[in-house]
Protein backbone atom coordinates (compact mmCIF):
# COMPACT_ATOMS: atom_id res chain seq x y z
CA MET A 1 -7.04 12.69 -15.23
CA THR A 2 -6.68 11.43 -18.78
CA ALA A 3 -9.16 9.25 -20.66
CA GLY A 4 -6.75 6.34 -20.19
CA ALA A 5 -6.56 6.89 -16.42
CA ASP A 6 -10.37 7.16 -16.25
CA ALA A 7 -10.69 3.88 -18.17
CA LEU A 8 -8.16 2.25 -15.84
CA GLU A 9 -10.15 3.35 -12.79
CA ALA A 10 -13.39 2.06 -14.32
CA VAL A 11 -11.85 -1.37 -15.05
CA HIS A 12 -10.28 -1.47 -11.58
CA THR A 13 -13.60 -0.72 -9.86
CA PHE A 14 -15.54 -3.13 -12.06
CA ALA A 15 -13.06 -6.00 -11.63
CA LEU A 16 -13.08 -5.70 -7.85
CA GLY A 17 -16.89 -5.77 -7.88
CA LEU A 18 -16.99 -9.25 -9.39
CA PRO A 19 -17.82 -12.15 -7.03
CA GLU A 20 -15.00 -12.80 -4.53
CA ALA A 21 -12.53 -10.62 -6.48
CA TRP A 22 -9.80 -8.91 -4.50
CA GLU A 23 -6.80 -6.68 -5.10
CA ASP A 24 -3.18 -7.71 -4.68
CA HIS A 25 0.14 -5.97 -5.38
CA PRO A 26 2.57 -8.80 -6.18
CA TRP A 27 5.08 -6.76 -8.25
CA ASP A 28 6.32 -3.18 -8.03
CA GLY A 29 3.12 -1.98 -6.42
CA HIS A 30 1.04 -2.37 -9.60
CA PRO A 31 -2.37 -3.76 -8.69
CA VAL A 32 -3.87 -6.94 -10.01
CA ALA A 33 -7.39 -8.28 -9.60
CA LYS A 34 -7.56 -11.86 -8.39
CA VAL A 35 -10.21 -14.44 -7.81
CA GLY A 36 -8.97 -17.04 -5.38
CA LYS A 37 -5.21 -17.12 -5.92
CA LYS A 38 -5.39 -16.45 -9.66
CA ILE A 39 -4.96 -13.13 -11.45
CA PHE A 40 -7.61 -12.21 -13.97
CA VAL A 41 -6.62 -8.57 -14.64
CA PHE A 42 -3.20 -6.94 -14.49
CA LEU A 43 -3.60 -3.17 -14.03
CA GLY A 44 -1.14 -0.46 -14.94
CA SER A 45 -0.70 2.91 -13.26
CA PRO A 46 -2.53 6.21 -13.88
CA GLU A 47 0.71 7.50 -15.41
CA GLN A 48 0.86 4.51 -17.81
CA PRO A 49 -2.72 3.26 -18.01
CA SER A 50 -2.87 -0.31 -19.25
CA MET A 51 -4.46 -3.64 -18.51
CA SER A 52 -3.81 -7.25 -19.39
CA VAL A 53 -6.62 -9.78 -19.55
CA LYS A 54 -7.15 -13.37 -20.63
CA LEU A 55 -9.47 -13.38 -23.64
CA PRO A 56 -10.17 -16.95 -24.78
CA GLU A 57 -12.95 -15.74 -27.12
CA SER A 58 -11.93 -12.17 -28.04
CA ALA A 59 -8.11 -12.23 -28.18
CA GLU A 60 -7.83 -12.55 -31.95
CA ALA A 61 -10.21 -9.65 -32.58
CA ALA A 62 -8.65 -7.53 -29.81
CA ARG A 63 -5.17 -7.95 -31.26
CA THR A 64 -6.30 -6.35 -34.53
CA LEU A 65 -6.37 -3.02 -32.64
CA ALA A 66 -3.14 -1.03 -32.43
CA CYS A 67 -3.69 -0.56 -28.68
CA CYS A 68 -3.53 -4.33 -28.08
CA GLU A 69 -0.69 -6.82 -28.20
CA PRO A 70 -0.03 -10.30 -26.86
CA THR A 71 1.01 -10.09 -23.21
CA GLY A 72 4.69 -10.69 -22.56
CA TYR A 73 6.37 -13.42 -20.54
CA GLY A 74 4.76 -16.06 -22.76
CA LEU A 75 1.24 -15.26 -21.56
CA GLY A 76 0.16 -14.11 -25.03
CA ARG A 77 0.16 -17.67 -26.31
CA TRP A 78 -2.50 -18.51 -23.71
CA GLY A 79 -4.86 -15.76 -24.86
CA TRP A 80 -3.62 -12.92 -22.65
CA VAL A 81 -3.81 -9.49 -24.27
CA SER A 82 -2.23 -6.24 -23.06
CA VAL A 83 -4.12 -3.03 -23.78
CA THR A 84 -2.66 0.48 -23.78
CA LEU A 85 -5.62 2.44 -22.43
CA SER A 86 -4.28 5.83 -23.51
CA SER A 87 -4.05 4.78 -27.17
CA PRO A 88 -6.33 6.71 -29.54
CA ASP A 89 -7.85 3.47 -30.87
CA CYS A 90 -8.56 2.03 -27.43
CA PRO A 91 -12.14 0.73 -27.33
CA ASP A 92 -14.87 2.30 -25.21
CA VAL A 93 -14.95 1.53 -21.49
CA GLU A 94 -17.90 -0.83 -22.02
CA VAL A 95 -15.70 -3.07 -24.21
CA LEU A 96 -12.89 -2.96 -21.63
CA LEU A 97 -15.35 -4.03 -18.93
CA ASP A 98 -16.57 -6.86 -21.16
CA TRP A 99 -12.96 -7.98 -21.55
CA ALA A 100 -12.40 -7.86 -17.78
CA GLU A 101 -15.51 -10.00 -17.32
CA GLU A 102 -14.40 -12.43 -20.05
CA SER A 103 -11.07 -12.80 -18.26
CA TYR A 104 -12.83 -13.34 -14.92
CA ARG A 105 -15.04 -16.01 -16.49
CA ALA A 106 -11.94 -17.75 -17.89
CA ILE A 107 -10.17 -17.81 -14.52
CA ALA A 108 -12.88 -18.02 -11.81
CA PRO A 109 -14.33 -21.27 -10.53
CA ARG A 110 -17.63 -22.26 -12.15
CA LYS A 111 -19.61 -21.62 -8.96
CA LEU A 112 -18.55 -17.95 -9.02
CA VAL A 113 -19.24 -17.60 -12.75
CA ALA A 114 -22.71 -19.00 -12.03
CA ARG A 115 -23.23 -16.15 -9.54
CA LEU A 116 -22.57 -13.70 -12.36
CA ASP A 117 -25.14 -15.44 -14.52
CA ASP A 118 -27.72 -15.21 -11.71
CA GLY A 119 -27.80 -11.42 -12.16
CA PRO A 120 -27.03 -8.47 -9.87
CA ALA A 121 -28.24 -10.25 -6.73
CA GLY A 122 -25.74 -13.03 -7.43
CA GLY A 123 -22.77 -10.65 -7.32
């Protein structure tokens, strides 16, 4: 596996561990992480490791990295950022997990976000 594929797997596992998160495959078999009916992380494939997340607080800073760009289909204007995980300037996995959590917090109902804030027992 490549570093990008390892990062993708880490984000995938982390995202699905968030309260009431689940995996769906709405397009071409590429997985997404959802909470309720809403996507909070789009995941690429191990061959093309990438992710897209909604970053209401971090989007501007993230887009200064060469590995990041506004997500297509008009989502970029709403704070969605696509990250090429195999890029040499891709941030550490800890940052990617923070971004996945930020996206979850932006999408999930408040009661589920509150479970995150309650600590490990809340998740």
